[in-house]
Amino acid sequence: MIYGKHKTPVDRILIIFKKFYDKEHIDIYVAAEEFNVSTRTILRDIKIIKKIIPIKNNRKGDYSLTE
């Protein structure tokens, strides 16, 4: 799914947050391409989300909600 350009980083963070709660895995490389940002930006977003919900790193670049 392509999301297009977002007006604020909050939009991106909320979409990633929702994906975690929908039991989706987040691949930082795919997400970076979808949101047209760097992988470092996605990692920063995940770091923010980790302060709220438990997220685990399954393998290099793949994150999911801790069960």
PDB file of N, CA and C in Angstrom:
ATOM      1  N   MET A   1       0.844  -1.180   0.000  1.00  0.00           N
ATOM      2  CA  MET A   1       0.000   0.000   0.000  1.00  0.00           C
ATOM      3  C   MET A   1       0.887   1.240   0.000  1.00  0.00           C
ATOM      4  N   ILE A   2       0.629   2.149  -0.852  1.00  0.00           N
ATOM      5  CA  ILE A   2       1.388   3.392  -0.924  1.00  0.00           C
ATOM      6  C   ILE A   2       0.573   4.480  -0.248  1.00  0.00           C
ATOM      7  N   TYR A   3       1.197   5.221   0.653  1.00  0.00           N
ATOM      8  CA  TYR A   3       0.480   6.224   1.425  1.00  0.00           C
ATOM      9  C   TYR A   3       0.625   7.635   0.870  1.00  0.00           C
ATOM     10  N   GLY A   4       1.601   7.855   0.026  1.00  0.00           N
ATOM     11  CA  GLY A   4       1.788   9.205  -0.488  1.00  0.00           C
ATOM     12  C   GLY A   4       2.477  10.089   0.520  1.00  0.00           C
ATOM     13  N   LYS A   5       2.471  11.352   0.246  1.00  0.00           N
ATOM     14  CA  LYS A   5       3.175  12.310   1.101  1.00  0.00           C
ATOM     15  C   LYS A   5       2.288  12.712   2.279  1.00  0.00           C
ATOM     16  N   HIS A   6       2.873  12.689   3.460  1.00  0.00           N
ATOM     17  CA  HIS A   6       2.149  13.061   4.670  1.00  0.00           C
ATOM     18  C   HIS A   6       2.526  14.468   5.083  1.00  0.00           C
ATOM     19  N   LYS A   7       1.573  15.147   5.671  1.00  0.00           N
ATOM     20  CA  LYS A   7       1.807  16.528   6.063  1.00  0.00           C
ATOM     21  C   LYS A   7       2.667  16.639   7.305  1.00  0.00           C
ATOM     22  N   THR A   8       2.550  15.668   8.222  1.00  0.00           N
ATOM     23  CA  THR A   8       3.342  15.720   9.446  1.00  0.00           C
ATOM     24  C   THR A   8       3.883  14.338   9.778  1.00  0.00           C
ATOM     25  N   PRO A   9       4.966  14.274  10.548  1.00  0.00           N
ATOM     26  CA  PRO A   9       5.492  12.985  10.997  1.00  0.00           C
ATOM     27  C   PRO A   9       4.482  12.219  11.863  1.00  0.00           C
ATOM     28  N   VAL A  10       3.579  12.950  12.507  1.00  0.00           N
ATOM     29  CA  VAL A  10       2.579  12.299  13.349  1.00  0.00           C
ATOM     30  C   VAL A  10       1.706  11.361  12.515  1.00  0.00           C
ATOM     31  N   ASP A  11       1.361  11.763  11.312  1.00  0.00           N
ATOM     32  CA  ASP A  11       0.574  10.896  10.424  1.00  0.00           C
ATOM     33  C   ASP A  11       1.293   9.568  10.216  1.00  0.00           C
ATOM     34  N   ARG A  12       2.570   9.646   9.918  1.00  0.00           N
ATOM     35  CA  ARG A  12       3.380   8.448   9.662  1.00  0.00           C
ATOM     36  C   ARG A  12       3.462   7.577  10.914  1.00  0.00           C
ATOM     37  N   ILE A  13       3.714   8.191  12.055  1.00  0.00           N
ATOM     38  CA  ILE A  13       3.830   7.443  13.304  1.00  0.00           C
ATOM     39  C   ILE A  13       2.511   6.747  13.645  1.00  0.00           C
ATOM     40  N   LEU A  14       1.398   7.434  13.455  1.00  0.00           N
ATOM     41  CA  LEU A  14       0.102   6.828  13.746  1.00  0.00           C
ATOM     42  C   LEU A  14      -0.205   5.657  12.814  1.00  0.00           C
ATOM     43  N   ILE A  15       0.188   5.761  11.572  1.00  0.00           N
ATOM     44  CA  ILE A  15      -0.029   4.662  10.629  1.00  0.00           C
ATOM     45  C   ILE A  15       0.823   3.459  11.032  1.00  0.00           C
ATOM     46  N   ILE A  16       2.074   3.697  11.396  1.00  0.00           N
ATOM     47  CA  ILE A  16       2.948   2.606  11.845  1.00  0.00           C
ATOM     48  C   ILE A  16       2.389   1.990  13.120  1.00  0.00           C
ATOM     49  N   PHE A  17       1.955   2.825  14.058  1.00  0.00           N
ATOM     50  CA  PHE A  17       1.364   2.369  15.312  1.00  0.00           C
ATOM     51  C   PHE A  17       0.168   1.455  15.034  1.00  0.00           C
ATOM     52  N   LYS A  18      -0.704   1.867  14.112  1.00  0.00           N
ATOM     53  CA  LYS A  18      -1.876   1.066  13.762  1.00  0.00           C
ATOM     54  C   LYS A  18      -1.465  -0.266  13.142  1.00  0.00           C
ATOM     55  N   LYS A  19      -0.431  -0.258  12.318  1.00  0.00           N
ATOM     56  CA  LYS A  19       0.041  -1.504  11.708  1.00  0.00           C
ATOM     57  C   LYS A  19       0.485  -2.493  12.785  1.00  0.00           C
ATOM     58  N   PHE A  20       1.174  -1.997  13.814  1.00  0.00           N
ATOM     59  CA  PHE A  20       1.589  -2.887  14.902  1.00  0.00           C
ATOM     60  C   PHE A  20       0.367  -3.506  15.580  1.00  0.00           C
ATOM     61  N   TYR A  21      -0.637  -2.714  15.866  1.00  0.00           N
ATOM     62  CA  TYR A  21      -1.834  -3.227  16.529  1.00  0.00           C
ATOM     63  C   TYR A  21      -2.669  -4.128  15.626  1.00  0.00           C
ATOM     64  N   ASP A  22      -2.490  -4.016  14.333  1.00  0.00           N
ATOM     65  CA  ASP A  22      -3.146  -4.925  13.393  1.00  0.00           C
ATOM     66  C   ASP A  22      -2.324  -6.197  13.193  1.00  0.00           C
ATOM     67  N   LYS A  23      -1.317  -6.389  14.052  1.00  0.00           N
ATOM     68  CA  LYS A  23      -0.434  -7.574  14.043  1.00  0.00           C
ATOM     69  C   LYS A  23       0.439  -7.663  12.798  1.00  0.00           C
ATOM     70  N   GLU A  24       0.684  -6.538  12.150  1.00  0.00           N
ATOM     71  CA  GLU A  24       1.558  -6.531  10.982  1.00  0.00           C
ATOM     72  C   GLU A  24       3.003  -6.364  11.429  1.00  0.00           C
ATOM     73  N   HIS A  25       3.896  -6.904  10.649  1.00  0.00           N
ATOM     74  CA  HIS A  25       5.320  -6.689  10.860  1.00  0.00           C
ATOM     75  C   HIS A  25       5.719  -5.459  10.060  1.00  0.00           C
ATOM     76  N   ILE A  26       6.644  -4.701  10.600  1.00  0.00           N
ATOM     77  CA  ILE A  26       7.146  -3.517   9.913  1.00  0.00           C
ATOM     78  C   ILE A  26       8.569  -3.792   9.460  1.00  0.00           C
ATOM     79  N   ASP A  27       8.774  -3.776   8.172  1.00  0.00           N
ATOM     80  CA  ASP A  27      10.115  -3.864   7.607  1.00  0.00           C
ATOM     81  C   ASP A  27      10.552  -2.426   7.355  1.00  0.00           C
ATOM     82  N   ILE A  28      11.641  -2.009   8.000  1.00  0.00           N
ATOM     83  CA  ILE A  28      12.036  -0.598   7.915  1.00  0.00           C
ATOM     84  C   ILE A  28      12.379  -0.170   6.492  1.00  0.00           C
ATOM     85  N   TYR A  29      12.861  -1.094   5.683  1.00  0.00           N
ATOM     86  CA  TYR A  29      13.231  -0.744   4.314  1.00  0.00           C
ATOM     87  C   TYR A  29      11.984  -0.515   3.457  1.00  0.00           C
ATOM     88  N   VAL A  30      10.987  -1.363   3.635  1.00  0.00           N
ATOM     89  CA  VAL A  30       9.727  -1.218   2.906  1.00  0.00           C
ATOM     90  C   VAL A  30       8.999   0.038   3.377  1.00  0.00           C
ATOM     91  N   ALA A  31       8.950   0.238   4.702  1.00  0.00           N
ATOM     92  CA  ALA A  31       8.272   1.409   5.259  1.00  0.00           C
ATOM     93  C   ALA A  31       8.934   2.705   4.785  1.00  0.00           C
ATOM     94  N   ALA A  32      10.255   2.715   4.745  1.00  0.00           N
ATOM     95  CA  ALA A  32      10.969   3.913   4.290  1.00  0.00           C
ATOM     96  C   ALA A  32      10.585   4.249   2.851  1.00  0.00           C
ATOM     97  N   GLU A  33      10.458   3.231   2.037  1.00  0.00           N
ATOM     98  CA  GLU A  33      10.064   3.463   0.646  1.00  0.00           C
ATOM     99  C   GLU A  33       8.605   3.915   0.555  1.00  0.00           C
ATOM    100  N   GLU A  34       7.725   3.291   1.341  1.00  0.00           N
ATOM    101  CA  GLU A  34       6.306   3.658   1.324  1.00  0.00           C
ATOM    102  C   GLU A  34       6.089   5.114   1.721  1.00  0.00           C
ATOM    103  N   PHE A  35       6.823   5.552   2.748  1.00  0.00           N
ATOM    104  CA  PHE A  35       6.626   6.900   3.274  1.00  0.00           C
ATOM    105  C   PHE A  35       7.583   7.928   2.670  1.00  0.00           C
ATOM    106  N   ASN A  36       8.459   7.467   1.781  1.00  0.00           N
ATOM    107  CA  ASN A  36       9.412   8.351   1.122  1.00  0.00           C
ATOM    108  C   ASN A  36      10.313   9.085   2.123  1.00  0.00           C
ATOM    109  N   VAL A  37      10.821   8.301   3.102  1.00  0.00           N
ATOM    110  CA  VAL A  37      11.755   8.815   4.107  1.00  0.00           C
ATOM    111  C   VAL A  37      12.910   7.828   4.212  1.00  0.00           C
ATOM    112  N   SER A  38      13.892   8.157   5.037  1.00  0.00           N
ATOM    113  CA  SER A  38      15.030   7.258   5.228  1.00  0.00           C
ATOM    114  C   SER A  38      14.689   6.160   6.238  1.00  0.00           C
ATOM    115  N   THR A  39      15.490   5.092   6.212  1.00  0.00           N
ATOM    116  CA  THR A  39      15.297   4.025   7.200  1.00  0.00           C
ATOM    117  C   THR A  39      15.578   4.550   8.602  1.00  0.00           C
ATOM    118  N   ARG A  40      16.479   5.495   8.708  1.00  0.00           N
ATOM    119  CA  ARG A  40      16.780   6.096  10.009  1.00  0.00           C
ATOM    120  C   ARG A  40      15.550   6.810  10.585  1.00  0.00           C
ATOM    121  N   THR A  41      14.789   7.461   9.726  1.00  0.00           N
ATOM    122  CA  THR A  41      13.562   8.122  10.170  1.00  0.00           C
ATOM    123  C   THR A  41      12.558   7.097  10.688  1.00  0.00           C
ATOM    124  N   ILE A  42      12.420   5.980   9.994  1.00  0.00           N
ATOM    125  CA  ILE A  42      11.512   4.924  10.448  1.00  0.00           C
ATOM    126  C   ILE A  42      11.981   4.372  11.789  1.00  0.00           C
ATOM    127  N   LEU A  43      13.273   4.194  11.950  1.00  0.00           N
ATOM    128  CA  LEU A  43      13.801   3.712  13.237  1.00  0.00           C
ATOM    129  C   LEU A  43      13.512   4.704  14.359  1.00  0.00           C
ATOM    130  N   ARG A  44      13.607   5.985  14.072  1.00  0.00           N
ATOM    131  CA  ARG A  44      13.256   7.007  15.073  1.00  0.00           C
ATOM    132  C   ARG A  44      11.775   6.916  15.435  1.00  0.00           C
ATOM    133  N   ASP A  45      10.939   6.720  14.436  1.00  0.00           N
ATOM    134  CA  ASP A  45       9.505   6.578  14.689  1.00  0.00           C
ATOM    135  C   ASP A  45       9.230   5.356  15.571  1.00  0.00           C
ATOM    136  N   ILE A  46       9.890   4.245  15.267  1.00  0.00           N
ATOM    137  CA  ILE A  46       9.708   3.028  16.061  1.00  0.00           C
ATOM    138  C   ILE A  46      10.197   3.251  17.489  1.00  0.00           C
ATOM    139  N   LYS A  47      11.268   3.987  17.642  1.00  0.00           N
ATOM    140  CA  LYS A  47      11.783   4.288  18.985  1.00  0.00           C
ATOM    141  C   LYS A  47      10.748   5.080  19.797  1.00  0.00           C
ATOM    142  N   ILE A  48      10.069   6.002  19.154  1.00  0.00           N
ATOM    143  CA  ILE A  48       9.008   6.769  19.819  1.00  0.00           C
ATOM    144  C   ILE A  48       7.862   5.834  20.220  1.00  0.00           C
ATOM    145  N   ILE A  49       7.464   4.962  19.302  1.00  0.00           N
ATOM    146  CA  ILE A  49       6.361   4.044  19.564  1.00  0.00           C
ATOM    147  C   ILE A  49       6.728   3.060  20.678  1.00  0.00           C
ATOM    148  N   LYS A  50       7.993   2.655  20.744  1.00  0.00           N
ATOM    149  CA  LYS A  50       8.447   1.706  21.778  1.00  0.00           C
ATOM    150  C   LYS A  50       8.274   2.259  23.189  1.00  0.00           C
ATOM    151  N   LYS A  51       8.168   3.554  23.320  1.00  0.00           N
ATOM    152  CA  LYS A  51       7.939   4.151  24.635  1.00  0.00           C
ATOM    153  C   LYS A  51       6.514   3.888  25.115  1.00  0.00           C
ATOM    154  N   ILE A  52       5.622   3.527  24.188  1.00  0.00           N
ATOM    155  CA  ILE A  52       4.210   3.336  24.502  1.00  0.00           C
ATOM    156  C   ILE A  52       3.823   1.860  24.513  1.00  0.00           C
ATOM    157  N   ILE A  53       4.284   1.123  23.521  1.00  0.00           N
ATOM    158  CA  ILE A  53       3.928  -0.301  23.412  1.00  0.00           C
ATOM    159  C   ILE A  53       5.190  -1.145  23.254  1.00  0.00           C
ATOM    160  N   PRO A  54       5.148  -2.410  23.691  1.00  0.00           N
ATOM    161  CA  PRO A  54       6.332  -3.277  23.553  1.00  0.00           C
ATOM    162  C   PRO A  54       6.496  -3.763  22.111  1.00  0.00           C
ATOM    163  N   ILE A  55       7.641  -3.476  21.550  1.00  0.00           N
ATOM    164  CA  ILE A  55       7.953  -3.867  20.178  1.00  0.00           C
ATOM    165  C   ILE A  55       9.243  -4.674  20.207  1.00  0.00           C
ATOM    166  N   LYS A  56       9.275  -5.743  19.415  1.00  0.00           N
ATOM    167  CA  LYS A  56      10.492  -6.543  19.347  1.00  0.00           C
ATOM    168  C   LYS A  56      11.081  -6.490  17.944  1.00  0.00           C
ATOM    169  N   ASN A  57      12.394  -6.648  17.902  1.00  0.00           N
ATOM    170  CA  ASN A  57      13.127  -6.714  16.645  1.00  0.00           C
ATOM    171  C   ASN A  57      13.288  -8.182  16.309  1.00  0.00           C
ATOM    172  N   ASN A  58      12.559  -8.658  15.291  1.00  0.00           N
ATOM    173  CA  ASN A  58      12.574 -10.076  14.934  1.00  0.00           C
ATOM    174  C   ASN A  58      13.844 -10.477  14.190  1.00  0.00           C
ATOM    175  N   ARG A  59      14.272  -9.648  13.332  1.00  0.00           N
ATOM    176  CA  ARG A  59      15.512  -9.838  12.568  1.00  0.00           C
ATOM    177  C   ARG A  59      15.895  -8.472  12.034  1.00  0.00           C
ATOM    178  N   LYS A  60      16.998  -8.414  11.359  1.00  0.00           N
ATOM    179  CA  LYS A  60      17.473  -7.119  10.881  1.00  0.00           C
ATOM    180  C   LYS A  60      16.405  -6.399  10.054  1.00  0.00           C
ATOM    181  N   GLY A  61      15.934  -5.277  10.609  1.00  0.00           N
ATOM    182  CA  GLY A  61      14.986  -4.439   9.877  1.00  0.00           C
ATOM    183  C   GLY A  61      13.531  -4.842   9.993  1.00  0.00           C
ATOM    184  N   ASP A  62      13.218  -5.883  10.780  1.00  0.00           N
ATOM    185  CA  ASP A  62      11.839  -6.345  10.905  1.00  0.00           C
ATOM    186  C   ASP A  62      11.387  -6.210  12.358  1.00  0.00           C
ATOM    187  N   TYR A  63      10.288  -5.484  12.570  1.00  0.00           N
ATOM    188  CA  TYR A  63       9.782  -5.235  13.916  1.00  0.00           C
ATOM    189  C   TYR A  63       8.323  -5.662  14.002  1.00  0.00           C
ATOM    190  N   SER A  64       7.921  -6.100  15.206  1.00  0.00           N
ATOM    191  CA  SER A  64       6.517  -6.451  15.434  1.00  0.00           C
ATOM    192  C   SER A  64       6.158  -6.203  16.882  1.00  0.00           C
ATOM    193  N   LEU A  65       4.868  -6.230  17.147  1.00  0.00           N
ATOM    194  CA  LEU A  65       4.354  -6.055  18.493  1.00  0.00           C
ATOM    195  C   LEU A  65       4.718  -7.289  19.311  1.00  0.00           C
ATOM    196  N   THR A  66       5.224  -7.093  20.526  1.00  0.00           N
ATOM    197  CA  THR A  66       5.544  -8.211  21.404  1.00  0.00           C
ATOM    198  C   THR A  66       4.245  -8.805  21.919  1.00  0.00           C
ATOM    199  N   GLU A  67       4.114 -10.105  21.799  1.00  0.00           N
ATOM    200  CA  GLU A  67       2.884 -10.785  22.242  1.00  0.00           C
ATOM    201  C   GLU A  67       2.898 -10.994  23.734  1.00  0.00           C
TER     202      GLU A  67
END
